Amino acid sequence: MSEEPVAQLPPPADSGVGRYSSQLRKADGVSEAVYRNFRVRSAFQPIFSFAHSRAVGFEGLARTWNERNEVVPPPMLLSADRSSEGIIFLDRLLRALHLANFSSPEFGDSWLFLNVAPAVVIHGRSCGPFFREALQAYGIAPQRVVLEVTEGATEDEGTLESATRYYREIGCLVAIDDFGAGHSNFDRIWRLRPDIVKLDRAMISRAAQDPAARRGLVGIAQLLHETGALVVAEGVETEEEAVASLQAEVDLFQGYLLGRPHVGAAPQPADPQRFVTLREALRSAAKDEETELSAALRPYRDTFERAANSMVANAPFLSAIGPLLSLPQVMRCYLLDTDGTQCGENVNSPGYVKRGDLRYDPLGRTAGANWMHRHYFRRAIANPNRTQVSRPYLSLTDPQMCVTLSRLIDAGDRAVILCCDLEFPVAG
């Protein structure tokens, strides 16, 4: 292995970025750090945009060897000095190392994602200048850097907020890492207003296996988008995890399925066939779900439309919905006026009453309740005389996941909305 010193940077070695750059040397065409008895190199893992079919960023990770040239696990490096000063020194040394290697033109205009230890975010500014100088020294524009703050417990939220504001004022983007694990909470999202949120791998894995978790992922990604944050799925290792993330409209992807961390002078090119395969899998999953749901709903929808047509022809409400209530997954039928107010109580399916949960009886009296906030009401009002099928949602009455069929009709001397709740998932 050939070695040569890295050119010394302007600041003196005992302050600013020079203190850390002095620990770097050239080896095999890349920069590596010497720290205690360890030799550390950068490993860059690509972060892909599915829409662009290419890597748009790289996370800087550390790969470490001891004096016997044996690979050392990251916790051993991180535990070498657990004092506040030691944590800050190693954190800055690794960021200097990654900046030195990322200055290679092969990375183009992509983002560099850098992890920042919570102790550094909170206490680092009291240890002297560093990051602004480091960006200038290595010639990397601040807008190309994403500072990742781990989503964990901290005793000083105010200082954390101030520190992330500092990085944003420099011109960098700020990301919350590992959201969905440990002490995750949306309060921190609202206060820090991160530019990017990286979802914990466990959340992605669960969504690929559990339909309820998959629906939850959709809602979490939507809420994060509404805060103005891009969303990254971390640890994507299987096609099922990638498809579940895509169905939630996650923006970016990181994981072994698409690209492993690479130690070397240049990033590995993306495999274009991988994106073709994922698009085919996404298209197939969407088609299968739509076909399956459409087939399962057909007998319910046909019977619902006959009930609506009967009411248009002046049949009494109870008579019209009789055949509908006999179907196996019908929960209830009810009427709303055009303001969303329920006309009378629910008419429950006899079969569903037996499966009801008595603990939720206080929610069962619904006459006069107003459902104008529900999407099935708004869609029926906007599309009169056409049956609407809601997305799955949690019914307040039970609670129970359901879908609702709704239709605005003229029933005698008034316009009403006929509604029918079905248990979800609807079995074919």
Protein backbone atom coordinates (compact mmCIF):
# COMPACT_ATOMS: atom_id res chain seq x y z
CA MET A 1 0.00 0.00 0.00
CA SER A 2 1.49 3.31 -1.06
CA GLU A 3 1.28 6.25 1.33
CA GLU A 4 1.92 9.96 1.00
CA PRO A 5 0.97 12.87 3.27
CA VAL A 6 -2.11 14.92 2.49
CA ALA A 7 -1.26 18.54 1.69
CA GLN A 8 -1.52 20.62 4.84
CA LEU A 9 -4.48 22.98 4.99
CA PRO A 10 -4.14 26.68 5.89
CA PRO A 11 -5.22 26.67 9.58
CA PRO A 12 -2.57 25.72 12.15
CA ALA A 13 -2.55 22.12 13.36
CA ASP A 14 -3.69 23.00 16.88
CA SER A 15 -6.98 24.69 15.95
CA GLY A 16 -9.80 24.58 13.42
CA VAL A 17 -9.80 22.08 10.60
CA GLY A 18 -6.01 21.82 10.53
CA ARG A 19 -6.05 19.86 13.79
CA TYR A 20 -7.96 17.08 12.00
CA SER A 21 -6.46 17.28 8.52
CA SER A 22 -3.05 16.66 10.09
CA GLN A 23 -4.30 13.16 10.97
CA LEU A 24 -4.96 12.32 7.31
CA ARG A 25 -2.67 10.71 4.77
CA LYS A 26 -2.93 9.46 1.20
CA ALA A 27 -3.09 5.70 0.64
CA ASP A 28 -3.94 3.94 -2.63
CA GLY A 29 -5.24 7.17 -4.12
CA VAL A 30 -7.66 8.03 -1.28
CA SER A 31 -7.37 9.79 2.06
CA GLU A 32 -7.36 7.75 5.24
CA ALA A 33 -7.23 8.76 8.89
CA VAL A 34 -4.86 7.54 11.56
CA TYR A 35 -6.52 7.48 14.96
CA ARG A 36 -4.87 5.81 17.95
CA ASN A 37 -4.10 2.27 16.72
CA PHE A 38 -6.69 2.38 13.97
CA ARG A 39 -6.59 3.10 10.26
CA VAL A 40 -9.88 4.52 8.96
CA ARG A 41 -11.16 4.97 5.40
CA SER A 42 -14.35 6.40 3.95
CA ALA A 43 -17.04 4.06 2.67
CA PHE A 44 -19.74 5.83 0.67
CA GLN A 45 -23.19 4.24 0.43
CA PRO A 46 -25.36 5.59 -2.39
CA ILE A 47 -28.78 7.11 -1.78
CA PHE A 48 -31.00 6.73 -4.81
CA SER A 49 -33.91 8.60 -6.29
CA PHE A 50 -36.33 6.11 -7.85
CA ALA A 51 -37.73 8.85 -10.08
CA HIS A 52 -34.27 9.80 -11.41
CA SER A 53 -32.97 6.19 -11.55
CA ARG A 54 -29.63 7.26 -10.13
CA ALA A 55 -27.74 8.08 -6.97
CA VAL A 56 -28.35 11.64 -5.81
CA GLY A 57 -26.37 11.37 -2.59
CA PHE A 58 -23.83 9.29 -0.66
CA GLU A 59 -23.60 8.68 3.08
CA GLY A 60 -20.10 8.82 4.46
CA LEU A 61 -19.39 5.80 6.67
CA ALA A 62 -16.20 4.63 8.39
CA ARG A 63 -14.37 1.38 7.65
CA THR A 64 -11.67 0.61 10.20
CA TRP A 65 -8.64 -1.69 10.52
CA ASN A 66 -6.35 -2.29 13.50
CA GLU A 67 -2.54 -2.50 13.52
CA ARG A 68 -2.78 -6.17 12.42
CA ASN A 69 -4.82 -5.09 9.38
CA GLU A 70 -7.92 -6.79 10.79
CA VAL A 71 -11.33 -5.24 10.17
CA VAL A 72 -12.66 -3.57 13.30
CA PRO A 73 -16.42 -3.16 13.91
CA PRO A 74 -17.60 0.47 14.20
CA PRO A 75 -18.50 0.24 17.92
CA MET A 76 -14.86 -0.55 18.76
CA LEU A 77 -13.71 2.63 17.02
CA LEU A 78 -16.43 4.72 18.63
CA SER A 79 -15.68 3.39 22.12
CA ALA A 80 -11.97 4.23 21.97
CA ASP A 81 -12.61 7.46 23.89
CA ARG A 82 -16.08 8.12 25.28
CA SER A 83 -15.27 11.46 26.88
CA SER A 84 -17.03 14.50 25.41
CA GLU A 85 -13.72 15.75 24.02
CA GLY A 86 -12.96 12.34 22.52
CA ILE A 87 -16.38 12.03 20.89
CA ILE A 88 -16.10 15.50 19.38
CA PHE A 89 -12.57 14.88 18.13
CA LEU A 90 -13.43 11.56 16.41
CA ASP A 91 -16.64 12.96 14.94
CA ARG A 92 -14.79 15.91 13.39
CA LEU A 93 -11.94 13.71 12.22
CA LEU A 94 -14.37 11.44 10.36
CA ARG A 95 -16.15 14.38 8.77
CA ALA A 96 -12.81 15.81 7.61
CA LEU A 97 -11.94 12.39 6.18
CA HIS A 98 -15.21 12.13 4.27
CA LEU A 99 -14.96 15.70 2.97
CA ALA A 100 -11.42 15.01 1.74
CA ASN A 101 -12.54 11.94 -0.19
CA PHE A 102 -15.81 13.45 -1.42
CA SER A 103 -13.95 16.29 -3.12
CA SER A 104 -13.22 13.82 -5.93
CA PRO A 105 -14.93 14.97 -9.18
CA GLU A 106 -16.46 11.50 -9.65
CA PHE A 107 -19.16 12.43 -7.14
CA GLY A 108 -20.43 15.21 -9.40
CA ASP A 109 -23.07 17.44 -7.84
CA SER A 110 -24.48 14.79 -5.48
CA TRP A 111 -25.14 15.28 -1.77
CA LEU A 112 -22.79 14.11 0.95
CA PHE A 113 -24.67 12.81 4.00
CA LEU A 114 -22.64 13.15 7.20
CA ASN A 115 -23.61 11.79 10.61
CA VAL A 116 -23.13 14.16 13.51
CA ALA A 117 -22.92 12.80 17.06
CA PRO A 118 -25.51 14.40 19.38
CA ALA A 119 -22.71 15.53 21.71
CA VAL A 120 -21.10 17.38 18.80
CA VAL A 121 -24.35 19.04 17.76
CA ILE A 122 -24.96 20.22 21.31
CA HIS A 123 -21.43 21.01 22.54
CA GLY A 124 -19.27 21.16 19.42
CA ARG A 125 -19.41 24.92 18.84
CA SER A 126 -17.79 25.51 22.23
CA CYS A 127 -14.74 23.53 21.03
CA GLY A 128 -13.74 26.07 18.39
CA PRO A 129 -14.51 26.58 14.69
CA PHE A 130 -14.50 23.61 12.38
CA PHE A 131 -17.18 22.86 9.84
CA ARG A 132 -17.37 26.10 7.90
CA GLU A 133 -13.55 26.05 7.62
CA ALA A 134 -13.59 22.39 6.56
CA LEU A 135 -16.04 23.04 3.72
CA GLN A 136 -13.90 25.93 2.47
CA ALA A 137 -10.66 23.98 2.83
CA TYR A 138 -11.87 21.00 0.79
CA GLY A 139 -13.76 23.12 -1.75
CA ILE A 140 -17.20 21.59 -1.15
CA ALA A 141 -20.21 23.89 -1.44
CA PRO A 142 -22.34 23.78 1.74
CA GLN A 143 -25.52 23.06 -0.21
CA ARG A 144 -24.02 19.71 -1.19
CA VAL A 145 -23.83 18.56 2.44
CA VAL A 146 -26.61 17.01 4.53
CA LEU A 147 -25.94 16.88 8.28
CA GLU A 148 -27.69 13.88 9.85
CA VAL A 149 -28.79 14.20 13.48
CA THR A 150 -29.72 10.90 15.09
CA GLU A 151 -33.33 10.77 16.27
CA GLY A 152 -32.61 9.91 19.91
CA ALA A 153 -32.99 11.22 23.42
CA THR A 154 -31.22 14.42 24.39
CA GLU A 155 -31.43 16.56 27.49
CA ASP A 156 -31.01 19.88 25.69
CA GLU A 157 -33.56 20.27 22.90
CA GLY A 158 -33.08 24.05 22.77
CA THR A 159 -29.36 23.79 22.11
CA LEU A 160 -30.02 21.04 19.56
CA GLU A 161 -32.41 23.36 17.76
CA SER A 162 -29.84 26.16 17.84
CA ALA A 163 -27.09 23.91 16.50
CA THR A 164 -29.17 22.61 13.58
CA ARG A 165 -30.11 26.20 12.79
CA TYR A 166 -26.38 26.97 12.67
CA TYR A 167 -25.75 24.27 10.05
CA ARG A 168 -28.67 25.52 8.00
CA GLU A 169 -27.34 29.08 8.20
CA ILE A 170 -24.03 27.84 6.81
CA GLY A 171 -26.04 26.62 3.82
CA CYS A 172 -26.22 22.87 4.55
CA LEU A 173 -29.31 20.71 4.66
CA VAL A 174 -30.34 19.10 7.95
CA ALA A 175 -31.68 15.55 8.25
CA ILE A 176 -33.20 13.57 11.11
CA ASP A 177 -31.79 10.04 11.10
CA ASP A 178 -33.43 6.81 12.34
CA PHE A 179 -36.91 8.30 12.64
CA GLY A 180 -39.32 5.65 13.92
CA ALA A 181 -36.90 4.11 16.43
CA GLY A 182 -36.32 4.74 20.11
CA HIS A 183 -37.36 8.23 21.19
CA SER A 184 -38.81 9.31 17.85
CA ASN A 185 -41.45 11.99 18.03
CA PHE A 186 -43.11 14.47 15.72
CA ASP A 187 -42.55 17.30 18.18
CA ARG A 188 -38.89 17.36 17.21
CA ILE A 189 -39.85 17.33 13.54
CA TRP A 190 -42.11 20.36 13.99
CA ARG A 191 -39.43 22.28 15.90
CA LEU A 192 -36.31 21.39 13.90
CA ARG A 193 -38.07 21.49 10.51
CA PRO A 194 -35.54 19.11 8.91
CA ASP A 195 -35.05 19.19 5.17
CA ILE A 196 -34.84 15.39 5.06
CA VAL A 197 -36.10 12.62 7.36
CA LYS A 198 -34.60 9.13 7.18
CA LEU A 199 -37.01 6.40 8.27
CA ASP A 200 -35.59 3.65 10.46
CA ARG A 201 -35.04 0.29 8.80
CA ALA A 202 -37.37 -1.51 11.25
CA MET A 203 -40.29 0.62 10.04
CA ILE A 204 -39.58 -0.26 6.41
CA SER A 205 -39.18 -3.96 7.19
CA ARG A 206 -42.44 -4.10 9.11
CA ALA A 207 -44.32 -2.28 6.34
CA ALA A 208 -43.24 -4.94 3.85
CA GLN A 209 -44.77 -7.69 6.02
CA ASP A 210 -47.80 -6.13 7.71
CA PRO A 211 -50.64 -4.42 5.79
CA ALA A 212 -51.50 -2.25 8.81
CA ALA A 213 -47.88 -1.10 9.11
CA ARG A 214 -47.87 -0.39 5.36
CA ARG A 215 -50.89 1.89 5.72
CA GLY A 216 -49.16 3.54 8.67
CA LEU A 217 -46.07 4.16 6.56
CA VAL A 218 -48.23 5.91 3.97
CA GLY A 219 -49.61 8.23 6.64
CA ILE A 220 -46.21 8.94 8.20
CA ALA A 221 -44.62 9.75 4.85
CA GLN A 222 -47.54 12.03 3.96
CA LEU A 223 -47.29 13.89 7.26
CA LEU A 224 -43.53 14.33 6.89
CA HIS A 225 -44.06 15.68 3.38
CA GLU A 226 -46.53 18.19 4.77
CA THR A 227 -43.79 19.51 7.08
CA GLY A 228 -41.70 20.19 3.98
CA ALA A 229 -39.28 17.27 4.42
CA LEU A 230 -38.09 14.77 1.84
CA VAL A 231 -38.34 11.19 3.07
CA VAL A 232 -35.62 8.52 2.80
CA ALA A 233 -36.25 4.79 3.33
CA GLU A 234 -33.19 3.34 5.06
CA GLY A 235 -32.04 -0.27 5.05
CA VAL A 236 -33.99 -1.36 1.97
CA GLU A 237 -32.79 -4.91 1.40
CA THR A 238 -35.65 -6.66 -0.43
CA GLU A 239 -37.89 -5.91 -3.37
CA GLU A 240 -40.91 -6.11 -1.05
CA GLU A 241 -39.45 -3.37 1.16
CA ALA A 242 -38.75 -1.19 -1.87
CA VAL A 243 -42.30 -1.63 -3.21
CA ALA A 244 -43.86 -0.87 0.20
CA SER A 245 -41.77 2.32 0.37
CA LEU A 246 -42.71 3.33 -3.15
CA GLN A 247 -46.39 2.81 -2.40
CA ALA A 248 -45.93 5.25 0.49
CA GLU A 249 -44.36 7.72 -1.99
CA VAL A 250 -41.03 7.78 -0.17
CA ASP A 251 -38.63 10.02 -2.11
CA LEU A 252 -35.20 8.41 -1.71
CA PHE A 253 -33.86 4.93 -0.96
CA GLN A 254 -30.78 3.58 0.76
CA GLY A 255 -29.91 -0.07 1.33
CA TYR A 256 -28.18 -3.19 0.11
CA LEU A 257 -30.85 -3.88 -2.52
CA LEU A 258 -29.65 -0.85 -4.49
CA GLY A 259 -26.07 -0.31 -3.38
CA ARG A 260 -23.62 -1.32 -0.65
CA PRO A 261 -21.05 1.00 0.93
CA HIS A 262 -18.02 1.31 -1.35
CA VAL A 263 -14.46 1.90 -0.22
CA GLY A 264 -12.41 3.42 -3.01
CA ALA A 265 -11.67 6.41 -5.15
CA ALA A 266 -14.92 6.48 -7.15
CA PRO A 267 -18.54 5.45 -6.55
CA GLN A 268 -19.89 2.33 -8.20
CA PRO A 269 -22.34 3.04 -11.05
CA ALA A 270 -26.00 2.25 -10.48
CA ASP A 271 -27.50 -0.84 -12.09
CA PRO A 272 -30.18 0.50 -14.46
CA GLN A 273 -31.88 -2.90 -14.64
CA ARG A 274 -32.62 -2.70 -10.92
CA PHE A 275 -34.90 0.30 -11.50
CA VAL A 276 -36.61 -1.43 -14.41
CA THR A 277 -37.28 -4.43 -12.18
CA LEU A 278 -38.64 -2.26 -9.37
CA ARG A 279 -40.98 -0.40 -11.73
CA GLU A 280 -42.34 -3.72 -12.99
CA ALA A 281 -42.79 -4.94 -9.40
CA LEU A 282 -44.57 -1.73 -8.40
CA ARG A 283 -46.84 -1.85 -11.44
CA SER A 284 -47.66 -5.51 -10.78
CA ALA A 285 -48.38 -4.92 -7.09
CA ALA A 286 -50.67 -1.97 -7.84
CA LYS A 287 -52.51 -3.95 -10.53
CA ASP A 288 -52.89 -7.01 -8.29
CA GLU A 289 -54.23 -4.92 -5.38
CA GLU A 290 -56.64 -3.04 -7.62
CA THR A 291 -57.85 -6.22 -9.31
CA GLU A 292 -58.23 -8.06 -6.01
CA LEU A 293 -60.11 -5.22 -4.31
CA SER A 294 -62.30 -4.60 -7.35
CA ALA A 295 -63.25 -8.28 -7.53
CA ALA A 296 -63.94 -8.45 -3.79
CA LEU A 297 -66.08 -5.30 -3.87
CA ARG A 298 -68.13 -6.25 -6.93
CA PRO A 299 -71.00 -8.08 -5.17
CA TYR A 300 -71.18 -5.38 -2.50
CA ARG A 301 -71.10 -2.56 -5.01
CA ASP A 302 -73.75 -4.19 -7.23
CA THR A 303 -76.08 -4.74 -4.26
CA PHE A 304 -75.41 -1.21 -2.96
CA GLU A 305 -76.32 0.31 -6.32
CA ARG A 306 -79.55 -1.71 -6.42
CA ALA A 307 -80.39 -0.38 -2.95
CA ALA A 308 -79.69 3.21 -4.07
CA ASN A 309 -81.79 2.78 -7.22
CA SER A 310 -84.63 1.34 -5.13
CA MET A 311 -84.60 4.44 -2.92
CA VAL A 312 -84.61 6.68 -5.99
CA ALA A 313 -87.75 4.75 -7.02
CA ASN A 314 -89.29 5.63 -3.60
CA ALA A 315 -88.63 2.32 -1.82
CA PRO A 316 -88.36 2.72 1.96
CA PHE A 317 -84.82 2.88 3.36
CA LEU A 318 -85.06 -0.32 5.43
CA SER A 319 -86.59 -2.27 2.58
CA ALA A 320 -83.96 -1.08 0.09
CA ILE A 321 -80.97 -2.01 2.25
CA GLY A 322 -82.28 -5.43 3.33
CA PRO A 323 -80.30 -7.46 0.76
CA LEU A 324 -77.19 -5.37 1.50
CA LEU A 325 -77.28 -6.16 5.22
CA SER A 326 -77.26 -9.89 4.49
CA LEU A 327 -73.82 -9.79 2.85
CA PRO A 328 -71.02 -11.19 5.04
CA GLN A 329 -68.73 -8.15 5.50
CA VAL A 330 -71.32 -5.40 5.68
CA MET A 331 -71.07 -3.58 9.02
CA ARG A 332 -73.86 -1.02 8.76
CA CYS A 333 -75.89 1.29 6.53
CA TYR A 334 -76.95 4.88 7.29
CA LEU A 335 -78.14 8.09 5.68
CA LEU A 336 -76.61 11.58 5.72
CA ASP A 337 -78.15 14.86 4.66
CA THR A 338 -76.28 17.21 2.35
CA ASP A 339 -74.67 18.96 5.33
CA GLY A 340 -73.15 15.67 6.52
CA THR A 341 -75.54 15.18 9.44
CA GLN A 342 -76.65 11.60 10.04
CA CYS A 343 -80.39 10.97 9.66
CA GLY A 344 -81.27 8.49 12.41
CA GLU A 345 -79.17 5.72 13.92
CA ASN A 346 -77.02 3.20 12.10
CA VAL A 347 -78.76 0.12 10.80
CA ASN A 348 -76.31 -2.62 11.71
CA SER A 349 -75.87 -5.89 9.92
CA PRO A 350 -77.22 -8.69 12.19
CA GLY A 351 -74.02 -10.64 11.68
CA TYR A 352 -71.79 -7.70 12.54
CA VAL A 353 -73.66 -6.85 15.75
CA LYS A 354 -72.55 -10.22 17.13
CA ARG A 355 -68.93 -9.27 16.52
CA GLY A 356 -69.27 -5.79 18.02
CA ASP A 357 -67.04 -4.67 20.90
CA LEU A 358 -69.08 -3.47 23.86
CA ARG A 359 -66.18 -1.34 25.12
CA TYR A 360 -66.95 1.19 22.36
CA ASP A 361 -70.68 1.54 23.11
CA PRO A 362 -70.34 5.30 23.91
CA LEU A 363 -69.52 5.85 20.25
CA GLY A 364 -72.38 3.74 18.95
CA ARG A 365 -75.15 6.36 19.15
CA THR A 366 -74.71 8.24 15.90
CA ALA A 367 -78.05 9.93 15.14
CA GLY A 368 -77.31 13.62 14.57
CA ALA A 369 -73.55 13.04 14.26
CA ASN A 370 -71.96 15.08 11.52
CA TRP A 371 -69.56 13.38 9.09
CA MET A 372 -68.85 16.26 6.72
CA HIS A 373 -65.10 15.85 7.45
CA ARG A 374 -65.07 12.33 6.05
CA HIS A 375 -63.73 11.83 2.55
CA TYR A 376 -66.61 9.52 1.57
CA PHE A 377 -69.05 12.39 2.24
CA ARG A 378 -67.05 14.95 0.27
CA ARG A 379 -66.61 12.61 -2.68
CA ALA A 380 -70.31 11.76 -2.79
CA ILE A 381 -71.28 15.46 -2.75
CA ALA A 382 -68.83 16.16 -5.58
CA ASN A 383 -70.05 13.21 -7.71
CA PRO A 384 -73.88 12.98 -7.40
CA ASN A 385 -75.60 9.75 -8.47
CA ARG A 386 -72.27 7.90 -8.75
CA THR A 387 -71.16 5.30 -6.24
CA GLN A 388 -67.94 6.22 -4.44
CA VAL A 389 -65.53 3.82 -2.73
CA SER A 390 -63.48 5.34 0.07
CA ARG A 391 -59.90 4.52 0.92
CA PRO A 392 -59.50 2.27 3.99
CA TYR A 393 -59.83 4.20 7.25
CA LEU A 394 -60.56 3.62 10.93
CA SER A 395 -64.25 3.87 11.71
CA LEU A 396 -64.95 5.97 14.80
CA THR A 397 -68.01 3.92 15.69
CA ASP A 398 -66.14 0.70 16.55
CA PRO A 399 -63.16 1.44 15.89
CA GLN A 400 -62.56 -0.94 13.00
CA MET A 401 -60.80 -0.59 9.67
CA CYS A 402 -63.37 -0.25 6.93
CA VAL A 403 -64.18 1.13 3.51
CA THR A 404 -67.37 3.05 2.83
CA LEU A 405 -69.60 2.96 -0.22
CA SER A 406 -71.45 6.26 -0.62
CA ARG A 407 -73.79 7.84 -3.16
CA LEU A 408 -75.76 11.09 -3.30
CA ILE A 409 -79.32 10.32 -4.48
CA ASP A 410 -82.73 11.96 -4.73
CA ALA A 411 -84.96 9.92 -2.43
CA GLY A 412 -88.47 11.20 -2.77
CA ASP A 413 -88.60 14.83 -1.69
CA ARG A 414 -85.01 15.20 -0.47
CA ALA A 415 -81.41 14.58 -1.42
CA VAL A 416 -79.55 12.17 0.88
CA ILE A 417 -76.30 10.27 0.88
CA LEU A 418 -76.65 6.50 1.25
CA CYS A 419 -73.63 4.98 3.03
CA CYS A 420 -72.54 1.43 3.69
CA ASP A 421 -69.47 0.47 5.77
CA LEU A 422 -67.64 -2.75 4.90
CA GLU A 423 -65.02 -4.49 7.02
CA PHE A 424 -61.52 -4.10 5.62
CA PRO A 425 -59.80 -5.96 4.13
CA VAL A 426 -62.69 -7.06 1.98
CA ALA A 427 -62.41 -10.78 1.25
CA GLY A 428 -63.26 -12.03 -2.22
